[in-house]
Amino acid sequence: MRGFSKHINSIADLANVTVLYPKETADYKKRLADGRFVWQDAGLVGSKEVVVETDTLKVIENKTETGVIERRKLTRVEDPTAQFFRLGLKAVAEEEVSPVDMGEVVEKK
């Protein structure tokens, strides 16, 4: 193997590249941690309803097949099937952790 691996499929792979490439592994863990969220549909927004958009809530407008524009709420949630969790990593509070320590290795039972 030359350079940082393109395919990391297990905890053992992650442990091996951590020894050889600590900076690249920290960047990889950071990308995995950032990519563990998805936008999930939370339903229609009423015509008179006012929604304040935040980091975890947004409103989009869709045009239906009939040409009607509908507004839908989307919430940002953790995806339980994300690569982050499949590798056995766990999320920790971001304010307590530097990017190098993002996501500790957890042994699977």
N, C-alpha and C. Protein backbone atom coordinates (compact mmCIF):
# COMPACT_ATOMS: atom_id res chain seq x y z
N MET A 1 0.85 -1.18 0.00
CA MET A 1 0.00 0.00 0.00
C MET A 1 0.89 1.23 0.00
N ARG A 2 0.62 2.14 -0.90
CA ARG A 2 1.35 3.40 -0.96
C ARG A 2 0.38 4.52 -0.66
N GLY A 3 0.70 5.31 0.35
CA GLY A 3 -0.17 6.41 0.71
C GLY A 3 -1.36 5.93 1.53
N PHE A 4 -2.22 6.88 1.84
CA PHE A 4 -3.41 6.60 2.65
C PHE A 4 -4.39 5.74 1.86
N SER A 5 -4.94 4.74 2.48
CA SER A 5 -5.84 3.80 1.82
C SER A 5 -7.12 4.48 1.32
N LYS A 6 -7.58 4.05 0.16
CA LYS A 6 -8.84 4.57 -0.40
C LYS A 6 -10.03 3.83 0.19
N HIS A 7 -9.81 2.61 0.65
CA HIS A 7 -10.90 1.78 1.16
C HIS A 7 -10.60 1.37 2.60
N ILE A 8 -11.42 1.85 3.52
CA ILE A 8 -11.32 1.46 4.92
C ILE A 8 -12.65 0.83 5.29
N ASN A 9 -12.61 -0.49 5.55
CA ASN A 9 -13.84 -1.24 5.74
C ASN A 9 -14.03 -1.80 7.14
N SER A 10 -13.04 -1.67 7.99
CA SER A 10 -13.18 -2.24 9.33
C SER A 10 -12.35 -1.44 10.34
N ILE A 11 -12.55 -1.78 11.60
CA ILE A 11 -11.80 -1.16 12.68
C ILE A 11 -10.31 -1.48 12.52
N ALA A 12 -9.99 -2.69 12.09
CA ALA A 12 -8.59 -3.07 11.91
C ALA A 12 -7.93 -2.20 10.83
N ASP A 13 -8.63 -1.95 9.73
CA ASP A 13 -8.09 -1.07 8.69
C ASP A 13 -7.82 0.32 9.25
N LEU A 14 -8.76 0.81 10.03
CA LEU A 14 -8.62 2.14 10.62
C LEU A 14 -7.43 2.20 11.60
N ALA A 15 -7.26 1.15 12.39
CA ALA A 15 -6.14 1.09 13.33
C ALA A 15 -4.81 1.03 12.58
N ASN A 16 -4.76 0.29 11.48
CA ASN A 16 -3.52 0.18 10.71
C ASN A 16 -3.11 1.51 10.10
N VAL A 17 -4.03 2.23 9.51
CA VAL A 17 -3.66 3.50 8.87
C VAL A 17 -3.42 4.60 9.91
N THR A 18 -3.98 4.46 11.10
CA THR A 18 -3.76 5.45 12.15
C THR A 18 -2.29 5.49 12.55
N VAL A 19 -1.66 4.33 12.60
CA VAL A 19 -0.25 4.25 12.97
C VAL A 19 0.62 4.89 11.89
N LEU A 20 0.31 4.61 10.64
CA LEU A 20 1.15 5.08 9.53
C LEU A 20 0.84 6.51 9.11
N TYR A 21 -0.42 6.90 9.15
CA TYR A 21 -0.85 8.21 8.64
C TYR A 21 -1.78 8.89 9.65
N PRO A 22 -1.27 9.40 10.75
CA PRO A 22 -2.15 9.97 11.79
C PRO A 22 -2.92 11.20 11.32
N LYS A 23 -2.27 12.10 10.55
CA LYS A 23 -2.97 13.31 10.10
C LYS A 23 -4.08 12.98 9.11
N GLU A 24 -3.78 12.12 8.14
CA GLU A 24 -4.79 11.74 7.14
C GLU A 24 -5.94 10.98 7.79
N THR A 25 -5.63 10.15 8.79
CA THR A 25 -6.68 9.41 9.49
C THR A 25 -7.59 10.36 10.26
N ALA A 26 -7.01 11.37 10.89
CA ALA A 26 -7.81 12.36 11.61
C ALA A 26 -8.73 13.11 10.65
N ASP A 27 -8.22 13.47 9.47
CA ASP A 27 -9.05 14.14 8.46
C ASP A 27 -10.17 13.21 7.98
N TYR A 28 -9.84 11.93 7.79
CA TYR A 28 -10.84 10.95 7.36
C TYR A 28 -11.94 10.79 8.40
N LYS A 29 -11.56 10.71 9.67
CA LYS A 29 -12.56 10.59 10.75
C LYS A 29 -13.44 11.83 10.81
N LYS A 30 -12.85 13.00 10.58
CA LYS A 30 -13.61 14.24 10.59
C LYS A 30 -14.64 14.24 9.46
N ARG A 31 -14.23 13.80 8.26
CA ARG A 31 -15.17 13.72 7.13
C ARG A 31 -16.29 12.72 7.42
N LEU A 32 -15.95 11.59 8.03
CA LEU A 32 -16.97 10.61 8.39
C LEU A 32 -17.95 11.18 9.41
N ALA A 33 -17.42 11.88 10.41
CA ALA A 33 -18.27 12.46 11.46
C ALA A 33 -19.20 13.52 10.86
N ASP A 34 -18.69 14.33 9.93
CA ASP A 34 -19.52 15.35 9.30
C ASP A 34 -20.57 14.74 8.38
N GLY A 35 -20.27 13.58 7.80
CA GLY A 35 -21.18 12.95 6.85
C GLY A 35 -22.18 12.00 7.44
N ARG A 36 -22.25 11.95 8.77
CA ARG A 36 -23.18 10.99 9.38
C ARG A 36 -24.61 11.51 9.50
N PHE A 37 -24.84 12.73 9.05
CA PHE A 37 -26.17 13.33 9.13
C PHE A 37 -26.87 13.30 7.77
N VAL A 38 -28.19 13.17 7.77
CA VAL A 38 -29.01 13.24 6.56
C VAL A 38 -30.21 14.15 6.84
N TRP A 39 -30.81 14.67 5.77
CA TRP A 39 -32.02 15.48 5.90
C TRP A 39 -33.23 14.57 5.75
N GLN A 40 -34.10 14.57 6.75
CA GLN A 40 -35.28 13.71 6.77
C GLN A 40 -36.54 14.56 6.67
N ASP A 41 -37.48 14.10 5.86
CA ASP A 41 -38.73 14.83 5.65
C ASP A 41 -39.56 14.82 6.93
N ALA A 42 -40.02 16.01 7.34
CA ALA A 42 -40.83 16.13 8.56
C ALA A 42 -42.26 16.55 8.24
N GLY A 43 -42.63 16.55 6.97
CA GLY A 43 -44.01 16.84 6.61
C GLY A 43 -44.21 18.18 5.95
N LEU A 44 -45.45 18.42 5.58
CA LEU A 44 -45.83 19.67 4.92
C LEU A 44 -45.86 20.84 5.89
N VAL A 45 -45.60 22.02 5.35
CA VAL A 45 -45.71 23.26 6.12
C VAL A 45 -47.01 23.91 5.68
N GLY A 46 -47.82 24.34 6.64
CA GLY A 46 -49.07 25.01 6.33
C GLY A 46 -48.84 26.34 5.62
N SER A 47 -49.83 26.80 4.88
CA SER A 47 -49.67 28.04 4.11
C SER A 47 -49.46 29.25 5.01
N LYS A 48 -50.03 29.25 6.19
CA LYS A 48 -49.89 30.38 7.12
C LYS A 48 -48.79 30.14 8.16
N GLU A 49 -48.24 28.94 8.20
CA GLU A 49 -47.26 28.60 9.22
C GLU A 49 -45.92 29.27 8.93
N VAL A 50 -45.32 29.82 9.97
CA VAL A 50 -44.00 30.46 9.86
C VAL A 50 -42.99 29.53 10.51
N VAL A 51 -41.95 29.17 9.78
CA VAL A 51 -40.93 28.26 10.29
C VAL A 51 -39.60 29.01 10.33
N VAL A 52 -38.96 28.98 11.48
CA VAL A 52 -37.65 29.60 11.63
C VAL A 52 -36.61 28.54 11.30
N GLU A 53 -35.81 28.79 10.27
CA GLU A 53 -34.80 27.81 9.86
C GLU A 53 -33.60 27.87 10.79
N THR A 54 -33.08 26.69 11.15
CA THR A 54 -31.91 26.57 12.00
C THR A 54 -30.93 25.60 11.34
N ASP A 55 -29.89 25.23 12.08
CA ASP A 55 -28.93 24.25 11.56
C ASP A 55 -29.56 22.88 11.37
N THR A 56 -30.59 22.58 12.14
CA THR A 56 -31.21 21.25 12.07
C THR A 56 -32.61 21.26 11.46
N LEU A 57 -33.06 22.39 10.99
CA LEU A 57 -34.39 22.49 10.39
C LEU A 57 -34.34 23.45 9.20
N LYS A 58 -34.87 23.00 8.07
CA LYS A 58 -34.96 23.90 6.92
C LYS A 58 -36.25 23.61 6.16
N VAL A 59 -36.64 24.57 5.33
CA VAL A 59 -37.86 24.46 4.53
C VAL A 59 -37.47 24.52 3.06
N ILE A 60 -38.02 23.58 2.28
CA ILE A 60 -37.77 23.58 0.84
C ILE A 60 -39.11 23.69 0.12
N GLU A 61 -39.06 24.15 -1.11
CA GLU A 61 -40.26 24.23 -1.94
C GLU A 61 -40.13 23.24 -3.08
N ASN A 62 -41.15 22.42 -3.27
CA ASN A 62 -41.19 21.43 -4.34
C ASN A 62 -42.38 21.72 -5.25
N LYS A 63 -42.17 21.51 -6.53
CA LYS A 63 -43.27 21.62 -7.48
C LYS A 63 -43.77 20.21 -7.76
N THR A 64 -45.06 19.97 -7.51
CA THR A 64 -45.63 18.65 -7.72
C THR A 64 -45.89 18.42 -9.21
N GLU A 65 -46.30 17.21 -9.55
CA GLU A 65 -46.60 16.87 -10.95
C GLU A 65 -47.74 17.72 -11.51
N THR A 66 -48.63 18.16 -10.65
CA THR A 66 -49.76 18.97 -11.09
C THR A 66 -49.41 20.45 -11.18
N GLY A 67 -48.18 20.82 -10.80
CA GLY A 67 -47.74 22.21 -10.88
C GLY A 67 -47.95 23.01 -9.61
N VAL A 68 -48.44 22.38 -8.57
CA VAL A 68 -48.67 23.06 -7.29
C VAL A 68 -47.34 23.09 -6.53
N ILE A 69 -47.04 24.24 -5.97
CA ILE A 69 -45.82 24.36 -5.16
C ILE A 69 -46.17 24.09 -3.71
N GLU A 70 -45.46 23.11 -3.13
CA GLU A 70 -45.69 22.78 -1.72
C GLU A 70 -44.40 23.01 -0.94
N ARG A 71 -44.56 23.43 0.30
CA ARG A 71 -43.42 23.65 1.19
C ARG A 71 -43.33 22.48 2.15
N ARG A 72 -42.10 21.97 2.34
CA ARG A 72 -41.88 20.83 3.22
C ARG A 72 -40.77 21.15 4.21
N LYS A 73 -40.95 20.66 5.44
CA LYS A 73 -39.92 20.80 6.47
C LYS A 73 -38.96 19.62 6.37
N LEU A 74 -37.66 19.90 6.52
CA LEU A 74 -36.65 18.85 6.59
C LEU A 74 -35.88 19.03 7.90
N THR A 75 -35.65 17.93 8.59
CA THR A 75 -34.86 17.96 9.82
C THR A 75 -33.57 17.19 9.59
N ARG A 76 -32.51 17.64 10.22
CA ARG A 76 -31.20 17.00 10.10
C ARG A 76 -31.06 16.00 11.24
N VAL A 77 -30.92 14.72 10.89
CA VAL A 77 -30.83 13.65 11.88
C VAL A 77 -29.62 12.77 11.58
N GLU A 78 -29.18 12.01 12.57
CA GLU A 78 -28.10 11.06 12.37
C GLU A 78 -28.62 9.86 11.59
N ASP A 79 -27.85 9.44 10.60
CA ASP A 79 -28.18 8.27 9.80
C ASP A 79 -27.56 7.04 10.46
N PRO A 80 -28.38 6.11 10.98
CA PRO A 80 -27.82 4.96 11.67
C PRO A 80 -27.06 4.01 10.74
N THR A 81 -27.21 4.15 9.43
CA THR A 81 -26.52 3.29 8.48
C THR A 81 -25.30 3.96 7.86
N ALA A 82 -24.89 5.11 8.38
CA ALA A 82 -23.74 5.83 7.84
C ALA A 82 -22.45 5.03 8.07
N GLN A 83 -21.47 5.25 7.20
CA GLN A 83 -20.18 4.58 7.31
C GLN A 83 -19.54 4.81 8.67
N PHE A 84 -19.76 5.97 9.24
CA PHE A 84 -19.24 6.33 10.56
C PHE A 84 -19.62 5.27 11.59
N PHE A 85 -20.88 4.86 11.61
CA PHE A 85 -21.36 3.89 12.59
C PHE A 85 -21.03 2.46 12.18
N ARG A 86 -20.99 2.18 10.87
CA ARG A 86 -20.66 0.84 10.41
C ARG A 86 -19.21 0.47 10.74
N LEU A 87 -18.34 1.47 10.83
CA LEU A 87 -16.96 1.20 11.22
C LEU A 87 -16.82 1.01 12.73
N GLY A 88 -17.85 1.33 13.49
CA GLY A 88 -17.81 1.16 14.94
C GLY A 88 -17.35 2.40 15.68
N LEU A 89 -17.42 3.56 15.03
CA LEU A 89 -17.06 4.80 15.70
C LEU A 89 -18.25 5.32 16.48
N LYS A 90 -17.97 6.15 17.48
CA LYS A 90 -19.06 6.76 18.23
C LYS A 90 -18.88 8.26 18.24
N ALA A 91 -19.98 8.97 18.29
CA ALA A 91 -19.95 10.43 18.30
C ALA A 91 -19.71 10.92 19.72
N VAL A 92 -18.89 11.95 19.81
CA VAL A 92 -18.64 12.60 21.10
C VAL A 92 -18.88 14.09 20.90
N ALA A 93 -19.08 14.80 22.00
CA ALA A 93 -19.37 16.22 21.91
C ALA A 93 -18.23 16.95 21.20
N GLU A 94 -18.57 17.73 20.17
CA GLU A 94 -17.55 18.37 19.34
C GLU A 94 -16.78 19.44 20.09
N GLU A 95 -17.40 20.12 21.05
CA GLU A 95 -16.70 21.17 21.75
C GLU A 95 -15.64 20.62 22.70
N GLU A 96 -15.71 19.34 23.05
CA GLU A 96 -14.76 18.74 23.97
C GLU A 96 -13.60 18.06 23.25
N VAL A 97 -13.67 17.93 21.93
CA VAL A 97 -12.74 17.09 21.20
C VAL A 97 -12.06 17.88 20.09
N SER A 98 -10.76 17.69 19.95
CA SER A 98 -10.06 18.28 18.82
C SER A 98 -10.28 17.40 17.60
N PRO A 99 -10.07 17.91 16.37
CA PRO A 99 -10.30 17.10 15.17
C PRO A 99 -9.49 15.81 15.14
N VAL A 100 -8.34 15.77 15.79
CA VAL A 100 -7.52 14.57 15.80
C VAL A 100 -8.21 13.45 16.58
N ASP A 101 -8.95 13.82 17.63
CA ASP A 101 -9.60 12.82 18.48
C ASP A 101 -11.03 12.50 18.07
N MET A 102 -11.53 13.08 16.99
CA MET A 102 -12.92 12.91 16.61
C MET A 102 -13.27 11.45 16.36
N GLY A 103 -14.19 10.92 17.12
CA GLY A 103 -14.67 9.56 16.95
C GLY A 103 -13.69 8.54 17.53
N GLU A 104 -14.00 8.01 18.68
CA GLU A 104 -13.16 7.01 19.29
C GLU A 104 -13.52 5.64 18.74
N VAL A 105 -12.58 4.73 18.76
CA VAL A 105 -12.81 3.37 18.29
C VAL A 105 -13.54 2.61 19.39
N VAL A 106 -14.62 1.93 19.03
CA VAL A 106 -15.41 1.15 19.97
C VAL A 106 -15.42 -0.29 19.49
N GLU A 107 -15.11 -1.21 20.38
CA GLU A 107 -15.11 -2.61 19.99
C GLU A 107 -16.54 -3.11 19.83
N LYS A 108 -16.77 -3.84 18.73
CA LYS A 108 -18.10 -4.42 18.51
C LYS A 108 -18.17 -5.77 19.20
N LYS A 109 -19.36 -6.08 19.71
CA LYS A 109 -19.53 -7.36 20.41
C LYS A 109 -20.10 -8.38 19.48
